[in-house]
Amino acid sequence: MVNDNPYSFVLTDKPQSILTIPGAMDIAMELNSLSKSFNMAGWRVGMLLGNEANIKVGS
């Protein structure tokens, strides 16, 4: 499971991540972006968060 969450720091004062749900680190990964939260229009600065073993499988 992959959650695309680039606006999590923009639309709320209380950002949420799917990875805070118990057990989610075992099965989920999350995509996020610094471009949105720091008003860097046109920049592509992102990150993939999750369990290291899951990320290595996808690379």
PDB file of N, CA and C in Angstrom:
ATOM      1  N   MET A   1       0.842  -1.167   0.000  1.00  0.00           N
ATOM      2  CA  MET A   1       0.000   0.000   0.000  1.00  0.00           C
ATOM      3  C   MET A   1       0.891   1.236   0.000  1.00  0.00           C
ATOM      4  N   VAL A   2       0.570   2.195  -0.854  1.00  0.00           N
ATOM      5  CA  VAL A   2       1.309   3.449  -0.916  1.00  0.00           C
ATOM      6  C   VAL A   2       0.323   4.607  -0.753  1.00  0.00           C
ATOM      7  N   ASN A   3       0.623   5.507   0.169  1.00  0.00           N
ATOM      8  CA  ASN A   3      -0.203   6.680   0.426  1.00  0.00           C
ATOM      9  C   ASN A   3       0.524   7.910  -0.111  1.00  0.00           C
ATOM     10  N   ASP A   4      -0.098   8.623  -1.035  1.00  0.00           N
ATOM     11  CA  ASP A   4       0.465   9.852  -1.585  1.00  0.00           C
ATOM     12  C   ASP A   4      -0.055  11.001  -0.724  1.00  0.00           C
ATOM     13  N   ASN A   5       0.814  11.663   0.031  1.00  0.00           N
ATOM     14  CA  ASN A   5       0.390  12.601   1.057  1.00  0.00           C
ATOM     15  C   ASN A   5       1.109  13.956   0.946  1.00  0.00           C
ATOM     16  N   PRO A   6       1.197  14.569  -0.250  1.00  0.00           N
ATOM     17  CA  PRO A   6       2.001  15.776  -0.396  1.00  0.00           C
ATOM     18  C   PRO A   6       1.424  17.028   0.262  1.00  0.00           C
ATOM     19  N   TYR A   7       0.149  17.036   0.553  1.00  0.00           N
ATOM     20  CA  TYR A   7      -0.455  18.223   1.148  1.00  0.00           C
ATOM     21  C   TYR A   7      -0.633  18.104   2.658  1.00  0.00           C
ATOM     22  N   SER A   8      -0.065  17.077   3.279  1.00  0.00           N
ATOM     23  CA  SER A   8      -0.284  16.850   4.711  1.00  0.00           C
ATOM     24  C   SER A   8       0.212  18.001   5.576  1.00  0.00           C
ATOM     25  N   PHE A   9       1.225  18.723   5.144  1.00  0.00           N
ATOM     26  CA  PHE A   9       1.741  19.833   5.933  1.00  0.00           C
ATOM     27  C   PHE A   9       1.110  21.168   5.547  1.00  0.00           C
ATOM     28  N   VAL A  10       0.281  21.183   4.511  1.00  0.00           N
ATOM     29  CA  VAL A  10      -0.280  22.422   3.992  1.00  0.00           C
ATOM     30  C   VAL A  10      -1.724  22.640   4.441  1.00  0.00           C
ATOM     31  N   LEU A  11      -2.521  21.622   4.421  1.00  0.00           N
ATOM     32  CA  LEU A  11      -3.960  21.763   4.615  1.00  0.00           C
ATOM     33  C   LEU A  11      -4.419  21.688   6.065  1.00  0.00           C
ATOM     34  N   THR A  12      -3.530  21.453   6.994  1.00  0.00           N
ATOM     35  CA  THR A  12      -3.939  21.288   8.377  1.00  0.00           C
ATOM     36  C   THR A  12      -2.836  21.713   9.341  1.00  0.00           C
ATOM     37  N   ASP A  13      -3.235  22.081  10.539  1.00  0.00           N
ATOM     38  CA  ASP A  13      -2.259  22.389  11.583  1.00  0.00           C
ATOM     39  C   ASP A  13      -1.763  21.115  12.264  1.00  0.00           C
ATOM     40  N   LYS A  14      -2.448  20.008  12.024  1.00  0.00           N
ATOM     41  CA  LYS A  14      -2.085  18.733  12.632  1.00  0.00           C
ATOM     42  C   LYS A  14      -1.844  17.693  11.531  1.00  0.00           C
ATOM     43  N   PRO A  15      -0.656  17.715  10.902  1.00  0.00           N
ATOM     44  CA  PRO A  15      -0.369  16.749   9.833  1.00  0.00           C
ATOM     45  C   PRO A  15      -0.521  15.318  10.321  1.00  0.00           C
ATOM     46  N   GLN A  16      -1.041  14.465   9.454  1.00  0.00           N
ATOM     47  CA  GLN A  16      -1.208  13.061   9.782  1.00  0.00           C
ATOM     48  C   GLN A  16      -0.498  12.201   8.749  1.00  0.00           C
ATOM     49  N   SER A  17      -0.059  11.071   9.210  1.00  0.00           N
ATOM     50  CA  SER A  17       0.604  10.108   8.340  1.00  0.00           C
ATOM     51  C   SER A  17      -0.039   8.750   8.525  1.00  0.00           C
ATOM     52  N   ILE A  18      -0.195   8.026   7.446  1.00  0.00           N
ATOM     53  CA  ILE A  18      -0.724   6.668   7.527  1.00  0.00           C
ATOM     54  C   ILE A  18       0.200   5.785   8.364  1.00  0.00           C
ATOM     55  N   LEU A  19       1.464   6.159   8.451  1.00  0.00           N
ATOM     56  CA  LEU A  19       2.436   5.347   9.175  1.00  0.00           C
ATOM     57  C   LEU A  19       2.261   5.417  10.691  1.00  0.00           C
ATOM     58  N   THR A  20       1.385   6.298  11.184  1.00  0.00           N
ATOM     59  CA  THR A  20       1.110   6.364  12.619  1.00  0.00           C
ATOM     60  C   THR A  20       0.091   5.317  13.059  1.00  0.00           C
ATOM     61  N   ILE A  21      -0.573   4.682  12.113  1.00  0.00           N
ATOM     62  CA  ILE A  21      -1.546   3.637  12.433  1.00  0.00           C
ATOM     63  C   ILE A  21      -0.789   2.376  12.849  1.00  0.00           C
ATOM     64  N   PRO A  22      -1.182   1.766  13.970  1.00  0.00           N
ATOM     65  CA  PRO A  22      -0.483   0.559  14.407  1.00  0.00           C
ATOM     66  C   PRO A  22      -0.424  -0.508  13.302  1.00  0.00           C
ATOM     67  N   GLY A  23       0.777  -1.009  13.057  1.00  0.00           N
ATOM     68  CA  GLY A  23       0.997  -2.043  12.044  1.00  0.00           C
ATOM     69  C   GLY A  23       1.253  -1.513  10.646  1.00  0.00           C
ATOM     70  N   ALA A  24       1.042  -0.230  10.422  1.00  0.00           N
ATOM     71  CA  ALA A  24       1.200   0.328   9.073  1.00  0.00           C
ATOM     72  C   ALA A  24       2.644   0.271   8.574  1.00  0.00           C
ATOM     73  N   MET A  25       3.618   0.399   9.470  1.00  0.00           N
ATOM     74  CA  MET A  25       5.020   0.354   9.037  1.00  0.00           C
ATOM     75  C   MET A  25       5.379  -0.987   8.418  1.00  0.00           C
ATOM     76  N   ASP A  26       4.597  -2.010   8.713  1.00  0.00           N
ATOM     77  CA  ASP A  26       4.865  -3.337   8.146  1.00  0.00           C
ATOM     78  C   ASP A  26       4.385  -3.458   6.705  1.00  0.00           C
ATOM     79  N   ILE A  27       3.374  -2.689   6.320  1.00  0.00           N
ATOM     80  CA  ILE A  27       2.758  -2.890   5.004  1.00  0.00           C
ATOM     81  C   ILE A  27       2.644  -1.644   4.138  1.00  0.00           C
ATOM     82  N   ALA A  28       2.838  -0.462   4.714  1.00  0.00           N
ATOM     83  CA  ALA A  28       2.572   0.774   3.964  1.00  0.00           C
ATOM     84  C   ALA A  28       3.842   1.577   3.723  1.00  0.00           C
ATOM     85  N   MET A  29       3.798   2.383   2.674  1.00  0.00           N
ATOM     86  CA  MET A  29       4.820   3.386   2.397  1.00  0.00           C
ATOM     87  C   MET A  29       4.093   4.689   2.121  1.00  0.00           C
ATOM     88  N   GLU A  30       4.772   5.793   2.342  1.00  0.00           N
ATOM     89  CA  GLU A  30       4.135   7.091   2.136  1.00  0.00           C
ATOM     90  C   GLU A  30       5.044   7.988   1.301  1.00  0.00           C
ATOM     91  N   LEU A  31       4.450   8.627   0.326  1.00  0.00           N
ATOM     92  CA  LEU A  31       5.147   9.624  -0.482  1.00  0.00           C
ATOM     93  C   LEU A  31       4.783  10.996   0.066  1.00  0.00           C
ATOM     94  N   ASN A  32       5.767  11.869   0.182  1.00  0.00           N
ATOM     95  CA  ASN A  32       5.500  13.225   0.628  1.00  0.00           C
ATOM     96  C   ASN A  32       6.394  14.171  -0.151  1.00  0.00           C
ATOM     97  N   SER A  33       6.121  15.461  -0.036  1.00  0.00           N
ATOM     98  CA  SER A  33       6.833  16.445  -0.837  1.00  0.00           C
ATOM     99  C   SER A  33       7.165  17.673  -0.001  1.00  0.00           C
ATOM    100  N   LEU A  34       8.391  18.121  -0.106  1.00  0.00           N
ATOM    101  CA  LEU A  34       8.764  19.387   0.522  1.00  0.00           C
ATOM    102  C   LEU A  34       8.372  20.560  -0.369  1.00  0.00           C
ATOM    103  N   SER A  35       8.169  20.316  -1.649  1.00  0.00           N
ATOM    104  CA  SER A  35       7.837  21.377  -2.598  1.00  0.00           C
ATOM    105  C   SER A  35       6.546  22.092  -2.218  1.00  0.00           C
ATOM    106  N   LYS A  36       5.538  21.345  -1.790  1.00  0.00           N
ATOM    107  CA  LYS A  36       4.243  21.941  -1.448  1.00  0.00           C
ATOM    108  C   LYS A  36       4.319  22.760  -0.173  1.00  0.00           C
ATOM    109  N   SER A  37       4.921  22.223   0.870  1.00  0.00           N
ATOM    110  CA  SER A  37       4.918  22.881   2.171  1.00  0.00           C
ATOM    111  C   SER A  37       5.859  24.080   2.252  1.00  0.00           C
ATOM    112  N   PHE A  38       6.830  24.184   1.341  1.00  0.00           N
ATOM    113  CA  PHE A  38       7.762  25.293   1.364  1.00  0.00           C
ATOM    114  C   PHE A  38       7.613  26.211   0.150  1.00  0.00           C
ATOM    115  N   ASN A  39       6.452  26.114  -0.534  1.00  0.00           N
ATOM    116  CA  ASN A  39       6.134  26.984  -1.678  1.00  0.00           C
ATOM    117  C   ASN A  39       7.232  27.010  -2.735  1.00  0.00           C
ATOM    118  N   MET A  40       7.744  25.857  -3.077  1.00  0.00           N
ATOM    119  CA  MET A  40       8.780  25.762  -4.099  1.00  0.00           C
ATOM    120  C   MET A  40       8.152  25.252  -5.391  1.00  0.00           C
ATOM    121  N   ALA A  41       7.330  26.089  -5.978  1.00  0.00           N
ATOM    122  CA  ALA A  41       6.623  25.701  -7.203  1.00  0.00           C
ATOM    123  C   ALA A  41       7.621  25.290  -8.285  1.00  0.00           C
ATOM    124  N   GLY A  42       7.353  24.160  -8.900  1.00  0.00           N
ATOM    125  CA  GLY A  42       8.210  23.662  -9.963  1.00  0.00           C
ATOM    126  C   GLY A  42       9.358  22.782  -9.495  1.00  0.00           C
ATOM    127  N   TRP A  43       9.695  22.856  -8.230  1.00  0.00           N
ATOM    128  CA  TRP A  43      10.747  21.997  -7.687  1.00  0.00           C
ATOM    129  C   TRP A  43      10.168  20.617  -7.459  1.00  0.00           C
ATOM    130  N   ARG A  44      10.965  19.619  -7.554  1.00  0.00           N
ATOM    131  CA  ARG A  44      10.540  18.243  -7.281  1.00  0.00           C
ATOM    132  C   ARG A  44      11.413  17.690  -6.165  1.00  0.00           C
ATOM    133  N   VAL A  45      11.034  18.021  -4.938  1.00  0.00           N
ATOM    134  CA  VAL A  45      11.760  17.559  -3.770  1.00  0.00           C
ATOM    135  C   VAL A  45      10.816  16.679  -2.967  1.00  0.00           C
ATOM    136  N   GLY A  46      11.050  15.399  -2.985  1.00  0.00           N
ATOM    137  CA  GLY A  46      10.133  14.492  -2.314  1.00  0.00           C
ATOM    138  C   GLY A  46      10.842  13.458  -1.477  1.00  0.00           C
ATOM    139  N   MET A  47      10.019  12.649  -0.819  1.00  0.00           N
ATOM    140  CA  MET A  47      10.576  11.596   0.018  1.00  0.00           C
ATOM    141  C   MET A  47       9.647  10.395   0.047  1.00  0.00           C
ATOM    142  N   LEU A  48      10.222   9.253   0.286  1.00  0.00           N
ATOM    143  CA  LEU A  48       9.493   8.005   0.464  1.00  0.00           C
ATOM    144  C   LEU A  48       9.778   7.535   1.878  1.00  0.00           C
ATOM    145  N   LEU A  49       8.722   7.300   2.644  1.00  0.00           N
ATOM    146  CA  LEU A  49       8.854   6.892   4.036  1.00  0.00           C
ATOM    147  C   LEU A  49       8.249   5.515   4.224  1.00  0.00           C
ATOM    148  N   GLY A  50       8.836   4.743   5.111  1.00  0.00           N
ATOM    149  CA  GLY A  50       8.290   3.424   5.398  1.00  0.00           C
ATOM    150  C   GLY A  50       9.351   2.488   5.924  1.00  0.00           C
ATOM    151  N   ASN A  51       9.003   1.240   5.988  1.00  0.00           N
ATOM    152  CA  ASN A  51       9.882   0.186   6.455  1.00  0.00           C
ATOM    153  C   ASN A  51      11.031   0.019   5.460  1.00  0.00           C
ATOM    154  N   GLU A  52      12.249   0.001   5.952  1.00  0.00           N
ATOM    155  CA  GLU A  52      13.434  -0.079   5.075  1.00  0.00           C
ATOM    156  C   GLU A  52      13.376  -1.296   4.150  1.00  0.00           C
ATOM    157  N   ALA A  53      12.929  -2.420   4.652  1.00  0.00           N
ATOM    158  CA  ALA A  53      12.866  -3.631   3.825  1.00  0.00           C
ATOM    159  C   ALA A  53      11.877  -3.464   2.676  1.00  0.00           C
ATOM    160  N   ASN A  54      10.751  -2.812   2.920  1.00  0.00           N
ATOM    161  CA  ASN A  54       9.769  -2.575   1.860  1.00  0.00           C
ATOM    162  C   ASN A  54      10.295  -1.615   0.807  1.00  0.00           C
ATOM    163  N   ILE A  55      11.008  -0.615   1.223  1.00  0.00           N
ATOM    164  CA  ILE A  55      11.560   0.362   0.279  1.00  0.00           C
ATOM    165  C   ILE A  55      12.632  -0.292  -0.587  1.00  0.00           C
ATOM    166  N   LYS A  56      13.470  -1.136  -0.012  1.00  0.00           N
ATOM    167  CA  LYS A  56      14.515  -1.816  -0.792  1.00  0.00           C
ATOM    168  C   LYS A  56      13.915  -2.740  -1.844  1.00  0.00           C
ATOM    169  N   VAL A  57      12.809  -3.387  -1.541  1.00  0.00           N
ATOM    170  CA  VAL A  57      12.145  -4.277  -2.508  1.00  0.00           C
ATOM    171  C   VAL A  57      11.690  -3.494  -3.714  1.00  0.00           C
ATOM    172  N   GLY A  58      11.204  -2.274  -3.489  1.00  0.00           N
ATOM    173  CA  GLY A  58      10.678  -1.454  -4.589  1.00  0.00           C
ATOM    174  C   GLY A  58      11.744  -0.755  -5.398  1.00  0.00           C
ATOM    175  N   SER A  59      12.979  -0.749  -4.958  1.00  0.00           N
ATOM    176  CA  SER A  59      14.008   0.001  -5.696  1.00  0.00           C
ATOM    177  C   SER A  59      14.734  -0.850  -6.697  1.00  0.00           C
TER     178      SER A  59
END
